[in-house]
C-alpha atoms as a PDB file:
ATOM      1  CA  MET A   1       0.000   0.000   0.000  1.00  0.00           C
ATOM      2  CA  GLN A   2       2.846   2.398   0.778  1.00  0.00           C
ATOM      3  CA  GLU A   3       4.248   1.627  -2.653  1.00  0.00           C
ATOM      4  CA  ASP A   4       1.038   2.866  -4.340  1.00  0.00           C
ATOM      5  CA  ILE A   5       1.154   6.129  -2.443  1.00  0.00           C
ATOM      6  CA  ALA A   6       4.788   6.737  -3.269  1.00  0.00           C
ATOM      7  CA  ASP A   7       4.480   5.920  -6.993  1.00  0.00           C
ATOM      8  CA  PRO A   8       4.111   9.249  -8.836  1.00  0.00           C
ATOM      9  CA  THR A   9       2.851   7.613 -12.046  1.00  0.00           C
ATOM     10  CA  LYS A  10      -0.086   6.031 -10.235  1.00  0.00           C
ATOM     11  CA  ILE A  11      -0.859   9.319  -8.507  1.00  0.00           C
ATOM     12  CA  ALA A  12      -0.730  11.185 -11.817  1.00  0.00           C
ATOM     13  CA  ALA A  13      -2.985   8.617 -13.486  1.00  0.00           C
ATOM     14  CA  SER A  14      -5.447   8.804 -10.623  1.00  0.00           C
ATOM     15  CA  ASN A  15      -5.500  12.612 -10.734  1.00  0.00           C
ATOM     16  CA  SER A  16      -5.909  12.587 -14.505  1.00  0.00           C
ATOM     17  CA  SER A  17      -8.854  10.211 -14.248  1.00  0.00           C
ATOM     18  CA  ARG A  18     -10.455  12.281 -11.509  1.00  0.00           C
ATOM     19  CA  THR A  19      -9.918  15.491 -13.475  1.00  0.00           C
ATOM     20  CA  GLU A  20     -11.538  13.960 -16.548  1.00  0.00           C
ATOM     21  CA  ARG A  21     -14.606  12.876 -14.539  1.00  0.00           C
ATOM     22  CA  ILE A  22     -14.966  16.340 -13.029  1.00  0.00           C
ATOM     23  CA  LYS A  23     -14.562  17.957 -16.446  1.00  0.00           C
ATOM     24  CA  THR A  24     -17.239  15.701 -17.953  1.00  0.00           C
ATOM     25  CA  ALA A  25     -19.650  16.337 -15.079  1.00  0.00           C
ATOM     26  CA  ALA A  26     -19.121  20.101 -15.357  1.00  0.00           C
ATOM     27  CA  ALA A  27     -19.752  20.038 -19.116  1.00  0.00           C
ATOM     28  CA  GLU A  28     -23.003  18.121 -18.574  1.00  0.00           C
ATOM     29  CA  ARG A  29     -24.185  20.617 -15.976  1.00  0.00           C
ATOM     30  CA  ILE A  30     -23.331  23.529 -18.252  1.00  0.00           C
ATOM     31  CA  ARG A  31     -25.300  21.953 -21.093  1.00  0.00           C
ATOM     32  CA  GLY A  32     -28.235  21.380 -18.758  1.00  0.00           C
ATOM     33  CA  GLY A  33     -28.061  24.949 -17.498  1.00  0.00           C
ATOM     34  CA  LYS A  34     -28.025  26.345 -21.022  1.00  0.00           C
ATOM     35  CA  GLU A  35     -31.058  24.268 -21.965  1.00  0.00           C
ATOM     36  CA  ARG A  36     -32.926  25.371 -18.846  1.00  0.00           C
ATOM     37  CA  ALA A  37     -32.073  29.025 -19.599  1.00  0.00           C
ATOM     38  CA  ARG A  38     -33.460  28.623 -23.137  1.00  0.00           C
ATOM     39  CA  GLN A  39     -36.693  27.169 -21.738  1.00  0.00           C
ATOM     40  CA  ILE A  40     -37.087  29.980 -19.210  1.00  0.00           C
ATOM     41  CA  HIS A  41     -36.364  32.586 -21.880  1.00  0.00           C
ATOM     42  CA  GLY A  42     -38.975  31.052 -24.168  1.00  0.00           C
ATOM     43  CA  SER A  43     -41.676  30.950 -21.513  1.00  0.00           C
ATOM     44  CA  ALA A  44     -40.892  34.511 -20.375  1.00  0.00           C
ATOM     45  CA  GLU A  45     -41.088  35.761 -23.945  1.00  0.00           C
ATOM     46  CA  GLU A  46     -44.395  33.956 -24.444  1.00  0.00           C
ATOM     47  CA  TYR A  47     -45.798  35.467 -21.227  1.00  0.00           C
ATOM     48  CA  VAL A  48     -44.796  38.987 -22.299  1.00  0.00           C
ATOM     49  CA  ARG A  49     -46.418  38.497 -25.704  1.00  0.00           C
ATOM     50  CA  GLU A  50     -49.650  37.283 -24.074  1.00  0.00           C
ATOM     51  CA  ASN A  51     -49.718  39.974 -21.342  1.00  0.00           C
ATOM     52  CA  PRO A  52     -47.999  43.134 -22.645  1.00  0.00           C
ATOM     53  CA  THR A  53     -49.991  45.588 -20.514  1.00  0.00           C
ATOM     54  CA  LYS A  54     -49.298  43.682 -17.301  1.00  0.00           C
ATOM     55  CA  CYS A  55     -45.600  43.577 -18.111  1.00  0.00           C
ATOM     56  CA  VAL A  56     -45.328  47.271 -18.953  1.00  0.00           C
ATOM     57  CA  LEU A  57     -47.214  48.284 -15.792  1.00  0.00           C
ATOM     58  CA  GLY A  58     -45.095  45.891 -13.726  1.00  0.00           C
ATOM     59  CA  ALA A  59     -41.880  47.348 -15.158  1.00  0.00           C
ATOM     60  CA  PHE A  60     -43.184  50.858 -14.484  1.00  0.00           C
ATOM     61  CA  GLY A  61     -43.970  49.907 -10.871  1.00  0.00           C
ATOM     62  CA  VAL A  62     -40.535  48.420 -10.335  1.00  0.00           C
ATOM     63  CA  GLY A  63     -38.969  51.571 -11.794  1.00  0.00           C
ATOM     64  CA  VAL A  64     -40.974  53.794  -9.439  1.00  0.00           C
ATOM     65  CA  VAL A  65     -39.963  51.717  -6.416  1.00  0.00           C
ATOM     66  CA  ILE A  66     -36.282  51.774  -7.417  1.00  0.00           C
ATOM     67  CA  GLY A  67     -36.516  55.523  -8.026  1.00  0.00           C
ATOM     68  CA  LEU A  68     -37.986  56.071  -4.555  1.00  0.00           C
ATOM     69  CA  ILE A  69     -35.289  53.948  -2.963  1.00  0.00           C
ATOM     70  CA  ILE A  70     -32.488  55.775  -4.789  1.00  0.00           C
ATOM     71  CA  ARG A  71     -33.992  59.169  -3.981  1.00  0.00           C
ATOM     72  CA  ARG A  72     -33.663  58.610  -0.227  1.00  0.00           C
END
């Protein structure tokens, strides 16, 4: 067992394997995140198209609140 710990080639191979697994997992999560962002964007766009007055009034209200907060 001590021989495995002291062998730099085995350590390097183990680290390389671990790095590759982490890289693959990160790439999968990024792909999933991008897909989820596309879905959210699509549903938000659809909502705005179906309810333009609500969205404009909501944006106006948020702007007024932010303006009041900044003014203080």
